[in-house]
């Protein structure tokens, strides 16, 4: 696991908690070092602060997701919804606003890892909905024969929608079943769903996912 945090006290506290839970932890304290550490160690998950010297956490996330999909939990000192949406837009899977408890951080990390583990243990499967093809085993997506590069959470969200095409999936249910969040789907939490849907539309076509206002989303059956 890679922890990227320029505040040495916070970084040490996070690392100590994760090591106590049995994780191997690498630390980086600025943007360039974070990108180098991720490439060198190939962590299963990255805990990434937004405000970093060198270049910020958004750029770190953008660069590491361009190299390979990896779950990213972003940390931000600002409760600004814009920061959340930008972070999710560059490939983060989840976020926490400082200050936070180590118990909550640990719970969020465990939820992300459970989701990854469920995907890895799933039987080989292929979903085809119109011109959309999803290879579950290889975690590859094509639409109209053209490949699309998705982040881990984008892939899992698309698979969830594609298993029941045309069915309406409420935001709160998506938060529970895809993100593994046991929260009321209001405010910034539902905006996380909206941001990832926006990313899927950008990568796969605006016509693929229909908004059901006040409820959630449904995967259309493309021609």
Protein backbone atom coordinates (compact mmCIF):
# COMPACT_ATOMS: atom_id res chain seq x y z
CA UNK A 1 0.00 0.00 0.00
CA UNK A 2 1.27 3.47 -0.85
CA UNK A 3 0.55 6.47 1.41
CA UNK A 4 1.21 9.89 -0.13
CA UNK A 5 1.04 12.72 2.41
CA UNK A 6 3.33 15.74 2.88
CA UNK A 7 2.41 16.18 6.56
CA UNK A 8 4.91 13.82 8.16
CA UNK A 9 2.87 13.41 11.36
CA UNK A 10 -0.29 12.41 9.47
CA UNK A 11 1.72 10.16 7.15
CA UNK A 12 3.34 8.38 10.10
CA UNK A 13 -0.01 7.92 11.84
CA UNK A 14 -1.65 6.43 8.76
CA UNK A 15 1.32 4.15 8.12
CA UNK A 16 1.36 2.96 11.74
CA UNK A 17 -2.36 2.13 11.65
CA UNK A 18 -2.10 0.24 8.38
CA UNK A 19 1.01 -1.67 9.43
CA UNK A 20 -0.75 -2.65 12.67
CA UNK A 21 -3.49 -4.13 10.48
CA UNK A 22 -0.93 -6.20 8.58
CA UNK A 23 -0.36 -4.10 5.46
CA UNK A 24 3.05 -3.41 3.94
CA UNK A 25 3.25 0.37 3.54
CA UNK A 26 5.44 2.65 1.43
CA UNK A 27 5.52 6.40 2.00
CA UNK A 28 5.95 9.35 -0.36
CA UNK A 29 5.74 13.03 0.52
CA UNK A 30 5.51 14.88 -2.79
CA UNK A 31 4.01 14.44 -6.24
CA UNK A 32 7.06 13.24 -8.22
CA UNK A 33 8.10 10.81 -5.46
CA UNK A 34 4.55 9.42 -5.37
CA UNK A 35 4.54 8.64 -9.10
CA UNK A 36 7.96 7.00 -8.83
CA UNK A 37 6.98 4.96 -5.76
CA UNK A 38 3.78 3.69 -7.41
CA UNK A 39 5.68 2.60 -10.51
CA UNK A 40 8.38 0.88 -8.43
CA UNK A 41 6.15 -0.94 -5.93
CA UNK A 42 2.83 -1.56 -7.73
CA UNK A 43 0.67 -1.09 -4.61
CA UNK A 44 -2.77 -2.63 -4.23
CA UNK A 45 -4.16 0.73 -3.10
CA UNK A 46 -3.00 4.35 -2.86
CA UNK A 47 -3.95 6.76 -0.06
CA UNK A 48 -3.34 10.14 -1.68
CA UNK A 49 -3.44 13.66 -0.27
CA UNK A 50 -4.63 16.36 -2.68
CA UNK A 51 -2.28 19.16 -1.57
CA UNK A 52 1.30 18.08 -2.28
CA UNK A 53 4.55 19.83 -3.20
CA UNK A 54 6.02 19.24 -6.64
CA UNK A 55 2.63 18.67 -8.23
CA UNK A 56 -0.68 18.00 -6.55
CA UNK A 57 -2.52 14.79 -5.82
CA UNK A 58 -4.88 15.27 -8.76
CA UNK A 59 -1.94 15.15 -11.15
CA UNK A 60 -0.49 12.15 -9.28
CA UNK A 61 -3.81 10.33 -9.65
CA UNK A 62 -4.02 11.21 -13.33
CA UNK A 63 -0.51 9.88 -14.00
CA UNK A 64 -0.79 6.63 -12.08
CA UNK A 65 -4.22 5.81 -13.54
CA UNK A 66 -2.78 6.39 -17.03
CA UNK A 67 -0.18 3.70 -16.27
CA UNK A 68 -2.48 1.10 -14.71
CA UNK A 69 -5.84 1.02 -12.90
CA UNK A 70 -5.32 1.11 -9.13
CA UNK A 71 -7.79 1.97 -6.34
CA UNK A 72 -7.16 5.47 -4.96
CA UNK A 73 -8.52 6.97 -1.74
CA UNK A 74 -8.02 10.75 -1.80
CA UNK A 75 -7.56 12.93 1.28
CA UNK A 76 -8.51 16.59 1.20
CA UNK A 77 -8.34 19.37 3.79
CA UNK A 78 -11.16 21.24 2.04
CA UNK A 79 -14.82 20.21 2.11
CA UNK A 80 -15.26 21.80 -1.31
CA UNK A 81 -17.49 19.74 -3.59
CA UNK A 82 -15.43 20.93 -6.57
CA UNK A 83 -12.34 19.19 -5.15
CA UNK A 84 -14.36 16.00 -4.76
CA UNK A 85 -15.69 16.06 -8.30
CA UNK A 86 -12.31 16.85 -9.85
CA UNK A 87 -10.66 14.07 -7.84
CA UNK A 88 -13.26 11.52 -8.87
CA UNK A 89 -12.99 12.77 -12.43
CA UNK A 90 -9.27 11.95 -12.66
CA UNK A 91 -9.76 8.43 -11.34
CA UNK A 92 -10.06 8.45 -7.55
CA UNK A 93 -12.41 5.80 -6.12
CA UNK A 94 -13.21 7.38 -2.77
CA UNK A 95 -12.33 10.41 -0.65
CA UNK A 96 -12.06 11.55 2.96
CA UNK A 97 -12.14 15.12 4.26
CA UNK A 98 -9.64 16.05 6.97
CA UNK A 99 -9.76 15.74 9.89
CA UNK A 100 -10.80 12.09 9.92
CA UNK A 101 -10.49 9.23 12.37
CA UNK A 102 -8.16 6.33 11.66
CA UNK A 103 -11.12 4.03 12.22
CA UNK A 104 -13.03 5.64 9.36
CA UNK A 105 -9.93 5.61 7.13
CA UNK A 106 -9.44 1.92 7.82
CA UNK A 107 -13.10 1.16 7.09
CA UNK A 108 -12.94 2.97 3.74
CA UNK A 109 -9.74 1.14 2.77
CA UNK A 110 -11.22 -2.23 3.71
CA UNK A 111 -14.33 -1.46 1.64
CA UNK A 112 -12.22 -0.64 -1.42
CA UNK A 113 -10.16 -3.81 -0.99
CA UNK A 114 -13.27 -5.97 -0.56
CA UNK A 115 -14.64 -4.64 -3.82
CA UNK A 116 -11.38 -5.44 -5.62
CA UNK A 117 -11.27 -8.91 -4.04
CA UNK A 118 -14.84 -9.68 -5.13
CA UNK A 119 -13.96 -8.75 -8.69
CA UNK A 120 -10.83 -10.90 -8.65
CA UNK A 121 -12.66 -13.95 -7.31
CA UNK A 122 -15.60 -13.71 -9.71
CA UNK A 123 -15.94 -16.48 -12.28
CA UNK A 124 -14.81 -15.61 -15.81
CA UNK A 125 -17.68 -13.89 -17.49
CA UNK A 126 -18.49 -11.75 -20.50
CA UNK A 127 -21.41 -9.34 -20.73
CA UNK A 128 -22.66 -8.13 -24.09
CA UNK A 129 -25.34 -5.45 -24.27
CA UNK A 130 -25.85 -4.24 -27.83
CA UNK A 131 -22.48 -2.94 -29.03
CA UNK A 132 -21.11 -2.84 -25.49
CA UNK A 133 -18.77 -5.72 -24.54
CA UNK A 134 -17.46 -6.27 -21.02
CA UNK A 135 -14.86 -8.94 -20.25
CA UNK A 136 -15.16 -9.47 -16.49
CA UNK A 137 -12.13 -11.73 -16.20
CA UNK A 138 -9.73 -9.40 -18.01
CA UNK A 139 -11.50 -6.21 -16.88
CA UNK A 140 -11.69 -4.91 -20.43
CA UNK A 141 -14.45 -2.87 -22.05
CA UNK A 142 -15.21 -2.20 -25.71
CA UNK A 143 -17.96 -0.27 -27.36
CA UNK A 144 -18.43 -0.66 -31.09
CA UNK A 145 -15.15 -2.57 -31.11
CA UNK A 146 -13.20 0.36 -29.66
CA UNK A 147 -11.50 -0.23 -26.28
CA UNK A 148 -12.19 2.09 -23.34
CA UNK A 149 -9.83 2.59 -20.42
CA UNK A 150 -11.79 2.68 -17.16
CA UNK A 151 -10.71 3.13 -13.57
CA UNK A 152 -11.52 0.26 -11.16
CA UNK A 153 -14.61 1.96 -9.75
CA UNK A 154 -15.85 2.97 -13.22
CA UNK A 155 -15.53 -0.63 -14.37
CA UNK A 156 -17.41 -2.01 -11.35
CA UNK A 157 -20.14 0.58 -11.73
CA UNK A 158 -20.58 -0.24 -15.42
CA UNK A 159 -20.74 -3.98 -14.70
CA UNK A 160 -23.38 -3.38 -12.02
CA UNK A 161 -25.54 -1.42 -14.45
CA UNK A 162 -24.96 -3.88 -17.31
CA UNK A 163 -26.11 -6.91 -15.33
CA UNK A 164 -29.64 -5.44 -15.41
CA UNK A 165 -29.91 -3.28 -18.53
CA UNK A 166 -32.85 -0.87 -18.64
CA UNK A 167 -33.48 -1.38 -14.90
CA UNK A 168 -33.33 1.81 -12.83
CA UNK A 169 -30.62 1.74 -10.16
CA UNK A 170 -31.17 4.27 -7.33
CA UNK A 171 -28.11 6.25 -6.28
CA UNK A 172 -28.37 5.00 -2.69
CA UNK A 173 -28.32 1.38 -3.85
CA UNK A 174 -25.33 2.04 -6.08
CA UNK A 175 -23.47 3.58 -3.15
CA UNK A 176 -24.17 0.49 -1.07
CA UNK A 177 -23.61 -2.21 -3.69
CA UNK A 178 -20.73 -0.70 -5.70
CA UNK A 179 -18.94 1.50 -3.17
CA UNK A 180 -19.88 -0.65 -0.15
CA UNK A 181 -20.89 2.52 1.71
CA UNK A 182 -23.49 2.07 4.43
CA UNK A 183 -24.61 5.72 4.32
CA UNK A 184 -27.62 7.75 3.34
CA UNK A 185 -27.13 8.77 -0.28
CA UNK A 186 -27.27 12.53 0.11
CA UNK A 187 -25.01 15.48 -0.61
CA UNK A 188 -21.45 14.72 -1.65
CA UNK A 189 -22.04 10.95 -1.52
CA UNK A 190 -24.58 11.00 -4.34
CA UNK A 191 -22.39 13.47 -6.21
CA UNK A 192 -19.71 10.76 -6.24
CA UNK A 193 -22.11 8.53 -8.18
CA UNK A 194 -22.98 11.37 -10.56
CA UNK A 195 -19.31 12.12 -11.22
CA UNK A 196 -18.50 8.52 -12.17
CA UNK A 197 -21.57 8.29 -14.40
CA UNK A 198 -20.35 11.45 -16.13
CA UNK A 199 -16.95 9.81 -16.67
CA UNK A 200 -18.55 6.68 -18.15
CA UNK A 201 -20.60 8.79 -20.55
CA UNK A 202 -17.49 10.68 -21.61
CA UNK A 203 -15.59 7.47 -22.30
CA UNK A 204 -18.38 5.30 -23.74
CA UNK A 205 -20.93 7.71 -25.17
CA UNK A 206 -23.56 10.01 -23.72
CA UNK A 207 -26.39 7.79 -24.95
CA UNK A 208 -25.32 4.74 -22.93
CA UNK A 209 -26.68 5.67 -19.50
CA UNK A 210 -30.06 7.28 -18.92
CA UNK A 211 -30.75 9.58 -15.98
CA UNK A 212 -33.98 8.96 -14.08
CA UNK A 213 -34.38 12.31 -12.35
CA UNK A 214 -34.72 12.13 -8.61
CA UNK A 215 -33.98 8.39 -8.58
CA UNK A 216 -30.82 7.16 -10.30
CA UNK A 217 -29.55 5.68 -13.55
CA UNK A 218 -30.27 2.95 -16.09
CA UNK A 219 -28.09 1.40 -18.78
CA UNK A 220 -29.71 1.75 -22.17
CA UNK A 221 -29.44 -1.07 -24.71
CA UNK A 222 -27.30 0.37 -27.51
CA UNK A 223 -27.90 -0.60 -31.11
